[in-house]
Structure formats: C-alpha cells, structure tokens
C-alpha cells in the first residue's frame, strides 16, 4: 500500500509515468528503512510495533524527502 500511494503521489507531483528509476529508488529506500528496522528491533530490543513504526518513518522521510527535492528542482527554471 505504501508503494502504491507514493507512486500515485509522485505521478501527480512530478508528472512522470512508472519508470525503472522509480522502482530502483523505492527498493533502495526500502532497504535503508529495513536496515533501520533491523537495528531498532534487534539492537535496541524494542517491540515489533515500534520497530515497524520507525521503519515507516525512516522510509517516508528519506523517500518523500527525495521526491520533494526532485519536485523543487523541476520547478526551478534554468537561466536563459
């Protein structure tokens, strides 16, 4: 569901269709969030709910922050 919603949001914000770069960046940020989830769950000895919440937050901050950066760069006009 998270991937579907982020795809729909980015399609409306940046106006691009489903691209391989979207899939690769999604997998990259999901791996980063999974690493954070593993660290929180096993090293800090927290519960599953807390670790999934932290994983979702890390994914959202990294991935949606990246989308916001791309959106801001696309709005910036190149000097003529």
Protein backbone atom coordinates (compact mmCIF):
# COMPACT_ATOMS: atom_id res chain seq x y z
CA UNK A 1 0.00 0.00 0.00
CA UNK A 2 2.85 2.38 0.80
CA UNK A 3 4.37 1.85 -2.64
CA UNK A 4 1.02 2.38 -4.37
CA UNK A 5 0.34 5.63 -2.51
CA UNK A 6 3.84 7.01 -3.08
CA UNK A 7 3.62 6.14 -6.77
CA UNK A 8 0.28 7.90 -7.11
CA UNK A 9 1.54 10.95 -5.22
CA UNK A 10 4.74 11.24 -7.26
CA UNK A 11 2.87 10.75 -10.51
CA UNK A 12 0.72 13.78 -9.72
CA UNK A 13 3.57 15.89 -8.30
CA UNK A 14 6.32 15.24 -10.81
CA UNK A 15 4.08 14.04 -13.69
CA UNK A 16 6.02 11.01 -14.79
CA UNK A 17 4.85 7.54 -15.59
CA UNK A 18 6.16 4.36 -13.99
CA UNK A 19 9.89 4.32 -14.65
CA UNK A 20 12.66 1.86 -13.70
CA UNK A 21 14.34 4.62 -11.69
CA UNK A 22 11.22 4.86 -9.53
CA UNK A 23 11.42 1.14 -8.81
CA UNK A 24 15.15 1.24 -8.07
CA UNK A 25 14.87 4.24 -5.77
CA UNK A 26 11.91 2.65 -3.98
CA UNK A 27 13.90 -0.55 -3.43
CA UNK A 28 16.93 1.46 -2.26
CA UNK A 29 14.97 3.45 0.32
CA UNK A 30 13.07 0.33 1.42
CA UNK A 31 16.41 -1.41 2.06
CA UNK A 32 17.60 1.58 4.11
CA UNK A 33 14.38 1.53 6.12
CA UNK A 34 14.67 -2.24 6.60
CA UNK A 35 18.19 -1.79 7.93
CA UNK A 36 16.91 0.77 10.41
CA UNK A 37 14.10 -1.62 11.34
CA UNK A 38 16.55 -4.47 11.95
CA UNK A 39 18.77 -2.24 14.09
CA UNK A 40 15.88 -0.96 16.18
CA UNK A 41 14.34 -4.42 16.61
CA UNK A 42 17.48 -6.42 17.42
CA UNK A 43 19.97 -3.97 18.88
CA UNK A 44 17.65 -1.75 20.91
CA UNK A 45 15.31 -4.63 21.89
CA UNK A 46 12.07 -2.81 21.09
CA UNK A 47 8.75 -4.33 20.15
CA UNK A 48 7.64 -5.16 16.64
CA UNK A 49 5.11 -2.31 16.52
CA UNK A 50 7.70 0.30 17.50
CA UNK A 51 10.23 -1.04 15.00
CA UNK A 52 7.68 -1.06 12.16
CA UNK A 53 6.67 2.48 13.05
CA UNK A 54 10.30 3.61 12.95
CA UNK A 55 10.83 1.74 9.66
CA UNK A 56 7.84 3.50 8.11
CA UNK A 57 9.04 6.87 9.36
CA UNK A 58 12.56 6.37 8.01
CA UNK A 59 11.20 5.25 4.63
CA UNK A 60 8.78 8.19 4.47
CA UNK A 61 11.35 10.80 5.44
CA UNK A 62 14.03 9.56 3.05
CA UNK A 63 11.82 8.72 0.11
CA UNK A 64 9.31 11.55 0.28
CA UNK A 65 12.14 13.99 1.04
CA UNK A 66 13.84 12.81 -2.14
CA UNK A 67 10.63 13.29 -4.09
CA UNK A 68 10.31 16.80 -2.65
CA UNK A 69 13.87 17.57 -3.75
CA UNK A 70 13.16 16.38 -7.28
CA UNK A 71 9.95 18.39 -7.34
CA UNK A 72 11.75 21.55 -6.20
CA UNK A 73 14.48 21.06 -8.81
CA UNK A 74 11.86 20.55 -11.52
CA UNK A 75 10.17 23.84 -10.53
CA UNK A 76 13.46 25.76 -10.66
CA UNK A 77 13.92 27.42 -14.04
CA UNK A 78 17.25 27.23 -15.82
CA UNK A 79 18.81 30.63 -16.62
CA UNK A 80 18.49 31.55 -20.27
